[in-house]
Amino acid sequence: MTQLQPWFDRRFNFSFPAELFPNLCARLRGTPSRLEEVTRAGSEKLLIRKPADQQWSAQEHAGHLLDLEPLWAARVGDYVAGSPVLTIADLTNQTTHRANHNARPLETILRDFRSARAHLLRNLDTIDGKAFSRSIPHPRLQTPMRLVDHLYFVAEHDDQHLARIWELLHAK
């Protein structure tokens, strides 16, 4: 069904300049609108449909984006605090599995995601220059990441789930 490379198989090249920070913030700022647009294409029945070969429905993917906002915020905090390693993610995604996003109104998920993402971006506006120059190891990738690299990682994660949602809603 999919041509998307599995997320955990992805490798990242963080050789781009830190000056891409504003571009990445613009990309992250646009995710709530893109999520709203892609989910608008599906009926409630289609949004909560979980194909046999898929772990989550389209609506659960949207909920997963919301579920990870506290992790992204914690990692931004790691840069501010100068932590020795970035906050570890729950690679089993238990928060999403237990959340029962299919029983929640999609509009609530979208509203809460938009609010959480706006909060993350407001926090980025308050960071001083020292945090931007720090590299902190990512616990799973085992590679040092600058704050701009982390934001790229978040944007790529957003796009991975947006693409999966689109596939689920447009499957033949």
N, C-alpha and C. Protein backbone atom coordinates (compact mmCIF):
# COMPACT_ATOMS: atom_id res chain seq x y z
N MET A 1 0.82 -1.20 0.00
CA MET A 1 0.00 0.00 0.00
C MET A 1 0.86 1.25 0.00
N THR A 2 1.99 1.20 0.62
CA THR A 2 2.73 2.44 0.81
C THR A 2 4.10 2.42 0.15
N GLN A 3 4.55 3.58 -0.18
CA GLN A 3 5.90 3.75 -0.66
C GLN A 3 6.71 4.55 0.33
N LEU A 4 6.08 4.89 1.46
CA LEU A 4 6.78 5.64 2.49
C LEU A 4 7.81 4.75 3.17
N GLN A 5 8.99 5.27 3.31
CA GLN A 5 10.01 4.55 4.05
C GLN A 5 9.62 4.54 5.52
N PRO A 6 9.72 3.39 6.19
CA PRO A 6 9.38 3.38 7.62
C PRO A 6 10.24 4.39 8.39
N TRP A 7 9.60 5.06 9.36
CA TRP A 7 10.26 6.12 10.11
C TRP A 7 11.56 5.66 10.74
N PHE A 8 11.55 4.50 11.36
CA PHE A 8 12.75 4.04 12.07
C PHE A 8 13.85 3.59 11.12
N ASP A 9 13.57 3.51 9.84
CA ASP A 9 14.61 3.21 8.84
C ASP A 9 15.25 4.48 8.30
N ARG A 10 14.66 5.62 8.60
CA ARG A 10 15.17 6.89 8.07
C ARG A 10 16.52 7.25 8.68
N ARG A 11 17.37 7.83 7.86
CA ARG A 11 18.66 8.38 8.31
C ARG A 11 18.64 9.85 7.93
N PHE A 12 19.32 10.67 8.70
CA PHE A 12 19.25 12.11 8.52
C PHE A 12 20.64 12.69 8.34
N ASN A 13 20.71 13.68 7.46
CA ASN A 13 21.95 14.41 7.23
C ASN A 13 21.74 15.83 7.76
N PHE A 14 22.51 16.17 8.77
CA PHE A 14 22.36 17.48 9.40
C PHE A 14 23.50 18.42 9.01
N SER A 15 23.82 18.46 7.74
CA SER A 15 24.93 19.29 7.29
C SER A 15 24.49 20.67 6.79
N PHE A 16 23.22 20.98 6.91
CA PHE A 16 22.72 22.26 6.42
C PHE A 16 23.07 23.37 7.41
N PRO A 17 23.06 24.62 6.97
CA PRO A 17 23.44 25.72 7.86
C PRO A 17 22.35 26.05 8.89
N ALA A 18 22.79 26.52 10.03
CA ALA A 18 21.86 26.92 11.10
C ALA A 18 20.96 28.06 10.66
N GLU A 19 21.34 28.78 9.64
CA GLU A 19 20.53 29.90 9.13
C GLU A 19 19.19 29.43 8.57
N LEU A 20 18.97 28.12 8.44
CA LEU A 20 17.68 27.62 7.99
C LEU A 20 16.64 27.62 9.11
N PHE A 21 17.03 28.07 10.29
CA PHE A 21 16.10 28.10 11.43
C PHE A 21 14.77 28.77 11.08
N PRO A 22 14.74 29.97 10.49
CA PRO A 22 13.44 30.60 10.18
C PRO A 22 12.61 29.76 9.20
N ASN A 23 13.27 29.12 8.25
CA ASN A 23 12.55 28.28 7.29
C ASN A 23 11.90 27.09 7.99
N LEU A 24 12.63 26.50 8.93
CA LEU A 24 12.09 25.35 9.65
C LEU A 24 10.94 25.79 10.56
N CYS A 25 11.06 26.95 11.17
CA CYS A 25 9.95 27.46 11.98
C CYS A 25 8.71 27.69 11.11
N ALA A 26 8.90 28.19 9.90
CA ALA A 26 7.76 28.39 8.99
C ALA A 26 7.13 27.05 8.63
N ARG A 27 7.96 26.06 8.40
CA ARG A 27 7.45 24.73 8.07
C ARG A 27 6.66 24.15 9.25
N LEU A 28 7.19 24.28 10.45
CA LEU A 28 6.51 23.77 11.65
C LEU A 28 5.22 24.55 11.92
N ARG A 29 5.24 25.83 11.66
CA ARG A 29 4.06 26.68 11.85
C ARG A 29 2.94 26.24 10.89
N GLY A 30 3.31 25.74 9.73
CA GLY A 30 2.33 25.34 8.73
C GLY A 30 1.72 23.96 8.93
N THR A 31 2.30 23.15 9.81
CA THR A 31 1.79 21.79 9.97
C THR A 31 0.34 21.74 10.41
N PRO A 32 -0.12 22.54 11.39
CA PRO A 32 -1.54 22.45 11.75
C PRO A 32 -2.48 22.70 10.57
N SER A 33 -2.16 23.66 9.73
CA SER A 33 -3.02 23.93 8.56
C SER A 33 -2.98 22.77 7.58
N ARG A 34 -1.80 22.21 7.37
CA ARG A 34 -1.70 21.07 6.45
C ARG A 34 -2.45 19.85 6.99
N LEU A 35 -2.38 19.65 8.32
CA LEU A 35 -3.10 18.54 8.94
C LEU A 35 -4.61 18.74 8.78
N GLU A 36 -5.08 19.96 9.00
CA GLU A 36 -6.50 20.24 8.82
C GLU A 36 -6.92 20.00 7.37
N GLU A 37 -6.09 20.43 6.45
CA GLU A 37 -6.43 20.26 5.03
C GLU A 37 -6.50 18.79 4.64
N VAL A 38 -5.52 18.00 5.04
CA VAL A 38 -5.50 16.60 4.62
C VAL A 38 -6.62 15.80 5.29
N THR A 39 -6.96 16.11 6.53
CA THR A 39 -8.03 15.36 7.19
C THR A 39 -9.41 15.78 6.70
N ARG A 40 -9.52 16.97 6.15
CA ARG A 40 -10.79 17.44 5.60
C ARG A 40 -11.26 16.54 4.45
N ALA A 41 -10.33 15.80 3.87
CA ALA A 41 -10.65 14.95 2.72
C ALA A 41 -11.39 13.67 3.12
N GLY A 42 -11.53 13.42 4.41
CA GLY A 42 -12.12 12.16 4.82
C GLY A 42 -13.37 12.29 5.65
N SER A 43 -14.29 11.36 5.43
CA SER A 43 -15.47 11.27 6.28
C SER A 43 -15.04 10.71 7.64
N GLU A 44 -15.91 10.83 8.63
CA GLU A 44 -15.57 10.29 9.94
C GLU A 44 -15.27 8.80 9.84
N LYS A 45 -16.07 8.09 9.08
CA LYS A 45 -15.87 6.64 8.92
C LYS A 45 -14.50 6.35 8.31
N LEU A 46 -14.13 7.11 7.32
CA LEU A 46 -12.83 6.91 6.67
C LEU A 46 -11.68 7.31 7.59
N LEU A 47 -11.86 8.38 8.34
CA LEU A 47 -10.80 8.85 9.25
C LEU A 47 -10.46 7.84 10.34
N ILE A 48 -11.46 7.09 10.81
CA ILE A 48 -11.20 6.15 11.90
C ILE A 48 -11.00 4.72 11.41
N ARG A 49 -11.08 4.52 10.10
CA ARG A 49 -10.87 3.18 9.53
C ARG A 49 -9.41 2.79 9.70
N LYS A 50 -9.21 1.57 10.17
CA LYS A 50 -7.86 1.07 10.38
C LYS A 50 -7.66 -0.15 9.48
N PRO A 51 -6.99 0.03 8.34
CA PRO A 51 -6.74 -1.11 7.46
C PRO A 51 -5.97 -2.22 8.19
N ALA A 52 -6.21 -3.44 7.79
CA ALA A 52 -5.60 -4.59 8.45
C ALA A 52 -4.08 -4.50 8.49
N ASP A 53 -3.49 -3.90 7.46
CA ASP A 53 -2.02 -3.84 7.41
C ASP A 53 -1.46 -2.58 8.06
N GLN A 54 -2.28 -1.80 8.75
CA GLN A 54 -1.84 -0.54 9.34
C GLN A 54 -2.04 -0.57 10.86
N GLN A 55 -1.12 0.04 11.55
CA GLN A 55 -1.17 0.12 13.01
C GLN A 55 -2.22 1.12 13.47
N TRP A 56 -2.34 2.25 12.76
CA TRP A 56 -3.23 3.34 13.18
C TRP A 56 -4.11 3.80 12.03
N SER A 57 -5.23 4.39 12.40
CA SER A 57 -6.10 5.06 11.44
C SER A 57 -5.53 6.44 11.13
N ALA A 58 -6.12 7.11 10.15
CA ALA A 58 -5.69 8.48 9.83
C ALA A 58 -5.87 9.39 11.04
N GLN A 59 -6.99 9.25 11.74
CA GLN A 59 -7.25 10.09 12.91
C GLN A 59 -6.24 9.79 14.03
N GLU A 60 -5.85 8.53 14.18
CA GLU A 60 -4.85 8.19 15.20
C GLU A 60 -3.48 8.77 14.84
N HIS A 61 -3.16 8.84 13.55
CA HIS A 61 -1.92 9.51 13.14
C HIS A 61 -1.97 10.99 13.51
N ALA A 62 -3.12 11.62 13.31
CA ALA A 62 -3.27 13.03 13.70
C ALA A 62 -3.10 13.17 15.21
N GLY A 63 -3.70 12.28 15.96
CA GLY A 63 -3.55 12.30 17.41
C GLY A 63 -2.11 12.06 17.84
N HIS A 64 -1.40 11.23 17.11
CA HIS A 64 0.01 10.97 17.42
C HIS A 64 0.84 12.25 17.30
N LEU A 65 0.54 13.06 16.30
CA LEU A 65 1.26 14.33 16.18
C LEU A 65 1.05 15.17 17.44
N LEU A 66 -0.17 15.21 17.93
CA LEU A 66 -0.46 15.92 19.17
C LEU A 66 0.28 15.27 20.34
N ASP A 67 0.27 13.96 20.41
CA ASP A 67 0.91 13.25 21.52
C ASP A 67 2.40 13.54 21.64
N LEU A 68 3.05 13.85 20.53
CA LEU A 68 4.50 14.08 20.58
C LEU A 68 4.89 15.52 20.88
N GLU A 69 3.95 16.43 20.90
CA GLU A 69 4.30 17.83 21.19
C GLU A 69 5.01 17.99 22.55
N PRO A 70 4.61 17.28 23.61
CA PRO A 70 5.37 17.41 24.87
C PRO A 70 6.83 16.95 24.74
N LEU A 71 7.07 15.93 23.92
CA LEU A 71 8.46 15.49 23.70
C LEU A 71 9.26 16.56 22.99
N TRP A 72 8.68 17.15 21.95
CA TRP A 72 9.41 18.19 21.22
C TRP A 72 9.71 19.37 22.14
N ALA A 73 8.74 19.74 22.96
CA ALA A 73 8.95 20.85 23.91
C ALA A 73 10.02 20.49 24.93
N ALA A 74 10.02 19.26 25.41
CA ALA A 74 11.04 18.83 26.38
C ALA A 74 12.42 18.90 25.76
N ARG A 75 12.52 18.53 24.50
CA ARG A 75 13.82 18.56 23.83
C ARG A 75 14.30 19.99 23.61
N VAL A 76 13.40 20.90 23.31
CA VAL A 76 13.80 22.31 23.23
C VAL A 76 14.32 22.74 24.60
N GLY A 77 13.65 22.32 25.65
CA GLY A 77 14.12 22.59 27.00
C GLY A 77 15.49 22.00 27.27
N ASP A 78 15.79 20.85 26.68
CA ASP A 78 17.11 20.24 26.82
C ASP A 78 18.20 21.17 26.26
N TYR A 79 17.90 21.83 25.15
CA TYR A 79 18.89 22.75 24.56
C TYR A 79 19.09 23.96 25.48
N VAL A 80 18.01 24.46 26.03
CA VAL A 80 18.11 25.62 26.93
C VAL A 80 18.91 25.24 28.18
N ALA A 81 18.65 24.05 28.72
CA ALA A 81 19.29 23.63 29.96
C ALA A 81 20.70 23.09 29.74
N GLY A 82 21.06 22.80 28.49
CA GLY A 82 22.37 22.20 28.23
C GLY A 82 22.45 20.76 28.69
N SER A 83 21.38 20.02 28.52
CA SER A 83 21.32 18.61 28.94
C SER A 83 22.38 17.78 28.21
N PRO A 84 22.83 16.70 28.84
CA PRO A 84 23.85 15.86 28.21
C PRO A 84 23.31 15.00 27.06
N VAL A 85 22.00 14.74 27.06
CA VAL A 85 21.37 13.95 26.00
C VAL A 85 19.93 14.43 25.88
N LEU A 86 19.39 14.34 24.68
CA LEU A 86 18.00 14.74 24.47
C LEU A 86 17.04 13.78 25.18
N THR A 87 15.92 14.31 25.61
CA THR A 87 14.88 13.51 26.25
C THR A 87 14.55 12.30 25.39
N ILE A 88 14.43 11.17 26.03
CA ILE A 88 14.18 9.91 25.32
C ILE A 88 12.70 9.79 24.98
N ALA A 89 12.42 9.34 23.78
CA ALA A 89 11.04 9.12 23.33
C ALA A 89 10.61 7.71 23.73
N ASP A 90 9.32 7.53 23.90
CA ASP A 90 8.77 6.19 24.08
C ASP A 90 8.61 5.59 22.68
N LEU A 91 9.53 4.74 22.30
CA LEU A 91 9.53 4.19 20.94
C LEU A 91 8.38 3.22 20.69
N THR A 92 7.68 2.83 21.75
CA THR A 92 6.51 1.95 21.57
C THR A 92 5.23 2.76 21.38
N ASN A 93 5.32 4.08 21.53
CA ASN A 93 4.18 4.99 21.31
C ASN A 93 2.96 4.62 22.16
N GLN A 94 3.20 4.27 23.40
CA GLN A 94 2.10 3.87 24.29
C GLN A 94 1.06 4.99 24.48
N THR A 95 1.51 6.24 24.51
CA THR A 95 0.55 7.33 24.67
C THR A 95 -0.49 7.31 23.55
N THR A 96 -0.04 7.11 22.34
CA THR A 96 -0.97 7.08 21.20
C THR A 96 -1.83 5.82 21.24
N HIS A 97 -1.23 4.69 21.57
CA HIS A 97 -2.02 3.45 21.62
C HIS A 97 -3.12 3.52 22.67
N ARG A 98 -2.85 4.18 23.79
CA ARG A 98 -3.84 4.25 24.89
C ARG A 98 -4.82 5.42 24.74
N ALA A 99 -4.54 6.36 23.87
CA ALA A 99 -5.32 7.60 23.81
C ALA A 99 -6.72 7.44 23.25
N ASN A 100 -6.96 6.40 22.49
CA ASN A 100 -8.27 6.18 21.88
C ASN A 100 -8.70 7.40 21.05
N HIS A 101 -7.78 7.87 20.20
CA HIS A 101 -8.06 9.05 19.39
C HIS A 101 -9.26 8.87 18.47
N ASN A 102 -9.59 7.64 18.10
CA ASN A 102 -10.75 7.43 17.23
C ASN A 102 -12.07 7.75 17.93
N ALA A 103 -12.05 7.78 19.25
CA ALA A 103 -13.28 8.10 20.00
C ALA A 103 -13.40 9.60 20.28
N ARG A 104 -12.37 10.35 19.97
CA ARG A 104 -12.38 11.80 20.22
C ARG A 104 -12.85 12.53 18.95
N PRO A 105 -13.45 13.68 19.10
CA PRO A 105 -13.79 14.46 17.90
C PRO A 105 -12.50 14.93 17.21
N LEU A 106 -12.45 14.77 15.92
CA LEU A 106 -11.28 15.21 15.16
C LEU A 106 -11.01 16.69 15.42
N GLU A 107 -12.06 17.51 15.48
CA GLU A 107 -11.87 18.95 15.70
C GLU A 107 -11.14 19.24 17.00
N THR A 108 -11.34 18.42 18.02
CA THR A 108 -10.62 18.59 19.29
C THR A 108 -9.15 18.28 19.11
N ILE A 109 -8.84 17.21 18.41
CA ILE A 109 -7.44 16.85 18.15
C ILE A 109 -6.76 17.97 17.37
N LEU A 110 -7.42 18.46 16.33
CA LEU A 110 -6.84 19.52 15.50
C LEU A 110 -6.63 20.80 16.29
N ARG A 111 -7.61 21.17 17.08
CA ARG A 111 -7.51 22.39 17.90
C ARG A 111 -6.37 22.27 18.92
N ASP A 112 -6.30 21.12 19.59
CA ASP A 112 -5.26 20.92 20.60
C ASP A 112 -3.87 20.87 19.97
N PHE A 113 -3.78 20.29 18.78
CA PHE A 113 -2.49 20.25 18.10
C PHE A 113 -2.05 21.66 17.71
N ARG A 114 -2.97 22.43 17.15
CA ARG A 114 -2.64 23.81 16.75
C ARG A 114 -2.16 24.60 17.97
N SER A 115 -2.82 24.44 19.09
CA SER A 115 -2.44 25.16 20.30
C SER A 115 -1.06 24.72 20.81
N ALA A 116 -0.83 23.42 20.85
CA ALA A 116 0.46 22.90 21.33
C ALA A 116 1.59 23.32 20.41
N ARG A 117 1.37 23.31 19.11
CA ARG A 117 2.43 23.71 18.18
C ARG A 117 2.72 25.20 18.30
N ALA A 118 1.69 26.01 18.49
CA ALA A 118 1.89 27.45 18.67
C ALA A 118 2.71 27.70 19.94
N HIS A 119 2.44 26.94 20.98
CA HIS A 119 3.19 27.06 22.22
C HIS A 119 4.67 26.73 21.99
N LEU A 120 4.94 25.65 21.27
CA LEU A 120 6.32 25.28 20.95
C LEU A 120 7.03 26.40 20.21
N LEU A 121 6.37 26.96 19.23
CA LEU A 121 6.99 28.03 18.43
C LEU A 121 7.19 29.31 19.24
N ARG A 122 6.27 29.61 20.14
CA ARG A 122 6.47 30.77 21.03
C ARG A 122 7.69 30.55 21.92
N ASN A 123 7.88 29.33 22.39
CA ASN A 123 9.06 29.03 23.21
C ASN A 123 10.35 29.21 22.42
N LEU A 124 10.33 28.86 21.16
CA LEU A 124 11.53 29.03 20.33
C LEU A 124 11.90 30.50 20.19
N ASP A 125 10.90 31.38 20.22
CA ASP A 125 11.15 32.82 20.10
C ASP A 125 11.90 33.38 21.31
N THR A 126 11.90 32.67 22.42
CA THR A 126 12.50 33.19 23.65
C THR A 126 13.90 32.65 23.92
N ILE A 127 14.41 31.80 23.05
CA ILE A 127 15.69 31.13 23.30
C ILE A 127 16.86 32.05 22.97
N ASP A 128 17.85 32.03 23.86
CA ASP A 128 19.05 32.84 23.63
C ASP A 128 20.03 32.09 22.72
N GLY A 129 21.02 32.81 22.26
CA GLY A 129 21.98 32.30 21.28
C GLY A 129 22.76 31.07 21.73
N LYS A 130 23.02 30.91 23.01
CA LYS A 130 23.81 29.77 23.49
C LYS A 130 23.14 28.44 23.16
N ALA A 131 21.83 28.40 23.30
CA ALA A 131 21.10 27.15 23.02
C ALA A 131 21.23 26.76 21.55
N PHE A 132 21.32 27.74 20.67
CA PHE A 132 21.40 27.44 19.24
C PHE A 132 22.74 26.83 18.85
N SER A 133 23.76 27.10 19.61
CA SER A 133 25.09 26.58 19.25
C SER A 133 25.39 25.22 19.89
N ARG A 134 24.50 24.75 20.76
CA ARG A 134 24.72 23.46 21.44
C ARG A 134 24.40 22.30 20.51
N SER A 135 25.20 21.27 20.61
CA SER A 135 24.88 19.98 20.00
C SER A 135 24.66 18.99 21.14
N ILE A 136 23.56 18.28 21.06
CA ILE A 136 23.21 17.29 22.08
C ILE A 136 22.92 15.98 21.37
N PRO A 137 23.45 14.87 21.88
CA PRO A 137 23.19 13.58 21.22
C PRO A 137 21.71 13.19 21.26
N HIS A 138 21.24 12.70 20.13
CA HIS A 138 19.90 12.15 20.04
C HIS A 138 19.99 10.70 20.54
N PRO A 139 19.13 10.29 21.46
CA PRO A 139 19.29 8.97 22.07
C PRO A 139 19.13 7.78 21.13
N ARG A 140 18.24 7.85 20.15
CA ARG A 140 18.05 6.73 19.23
C ARG A 140 19.03 6.79 18.07
N LEU A 141 19.21 7.97 17.50
CA LEU A 141 20.06 8.10 16.32
C LEU A 141 21.55 8.06 16.67
N GLN A 142 21.86 8.31 17.94
CA GLN A 142 23.25 8.31 18.40
C GLN A 142 24.11 9.27 17.58
N THR A 143 23.55 10.43 17.34
CA THR A 143 24.27 11.47 16.60
C THR A 143 24.00 12.81 17.27
N PRO A 144 25.00 13.68 17.32
CA PRO A 144 24.74 15.00 17.90
C PRO A 144 23.82 15.82 17.00
N MET A 145 22.93 16.57 17.63
CA MET A 145 22.00 17.41 16.90
C MET A 145 22.01 18.81 17.48
N ARG A 146 22.05 19.79 16.59
CA ARG A 146 21.84 21.19 16.99
C ARG A 146 20.34 21.40 17.12
N LEU A 147 19.95 22.51 17.71
CA LEU A 147 18.52 22.81 17.81
C LEU A 147 17.88 22.85 16.43
N VAL A 148 18.55 23.42 15.45
CA VAL A 148 18.01 23.48 14.10
C VAL A 148 17.85 22.07 13.52
N ASP A 149 18.74 21.15 13.87
CA ASP A 149 18.62 19.76 13.42
C ASP A 149 17.40 19.10 14.05
N HIS A 150 17.20 19.39 15.33
CA HIS A 150 16.02 18.85 16.02
C HIS A 150 14.74 19.34 15.34
N LEU A 151 14.70 20.61 14.99
CA LEU A 151 13.50 21.15 14.34
C LEU A 151 13.28 20.52 12.97
N TYR A 152 14.36 20.26 12.26
CA TYR A 152 14.25 19.55 10.98
C TYR A 152 13.68 18.15 11.21
N PHE A 153 14.17 17.47 12.24
CA PHE A 153 13.69 16.14 12.60
C PHE A 153 12.19 16.17 12.88
N VAL A 154 11.74 17.16 13.64
CA VAL A 154 10.32 17.31 13.96
C VAL A 154 9.51 17.55 12.68
N ALA A 155 10.01 18.42 11.81
CA ALA A 155 9.30 18.72 10.55
C ALA A 155 9.22 17.47 9.68
N GLU A 156 10.28 16.69 9.63
CA GLU A 156 10.25 15.46 8.85
C GLU A 156 9.27 14.46 9.46
N HIS A 157 9.22 14.40 10.79
CA HIS A 157 8.26 13.52 11.46
C HIS A 157 6.83 13.96 11.13
N ASP A 158 6.57 15.25 11.18
CA ASP A 158 5.25 15.76 10.80
C ASP A 158 4.89 15.30 9.39
N ASP A 159 5.81 15.50 8.46
CA ASP A 159 5.55 15.16 7.06
C ASP A 159 5.33 13.67 6.86
N GLN A 160 6.04 12.85 7.62
CA GLN A 160 5.87 11.39 7.54
C GLN A 160 4.41 11.03 7.87
N HIS A 161 3.89 11.63 8.93
CA HIS A 161 2.52 11.30 9.32
C HIS A 161 1.48 11.96 8.42
N LEU A 162 1.76 13.15 7.93
CA LEU A 162 0.85 13.76 6.97
C LEU A 162 0.74 12.92 5.70
N ALA A 163 1.87 12.40 5.25
CA ALA A 163 1.87 11.54 4.06
C ALA A 163 1.11 10.25 4.32
N ARG A 164 1.28 9.68 5.51
CA ARG A 164 0.56 8.45 5.84
C ARG A 164 -0.95 8.72 5.91
N ILE A 165 -1.33 9.83 6.50
CA ILE A 165 -2.76 10.19 6.57
C ILE A 165 -3.32 10.31 5.15
N TRP A 166 -2.59 11.00 4.29
CA TRP A 166 -3.06 11.16 2.91
C TRP A 166 -3.24 9.80 2.26
N GLU A 167 -2.29 8.90 2.45
CA GLU A 167 -2.39 7.55 1.86
C GLU A 167 -3.64 6.82 2.39
N LEU A 168 -3.85 6.88 3.69
CA LEU A 168 -4.99 6.18 4.28
C LEU A 168 -6.32 6.71 3.77
N LEU A 169 -6.38 8.02 3.56
CA LEU A 169 -7.63 8.62 3.11
C LEU A 169 -7.85 8.51 1.61
N HIS A 170 -6.81 8.20 0.87
CA HIS A 170 -6.92 8.09 -0.59
C HIS A 170 -6.63 6.68 -1.10
N ALA A 171 -6.65 5.71 -0.22
CA ALA A 171 -6.39 4.32 -0.63
C ALA A 171 -7.52 3.85 -1.53
N LYS A 172 -7.15 3.10 -2.50
CA LYS A 172 -8.14 2.56 -3.45
C LYS A 172 -8.63 1.22 -2.96
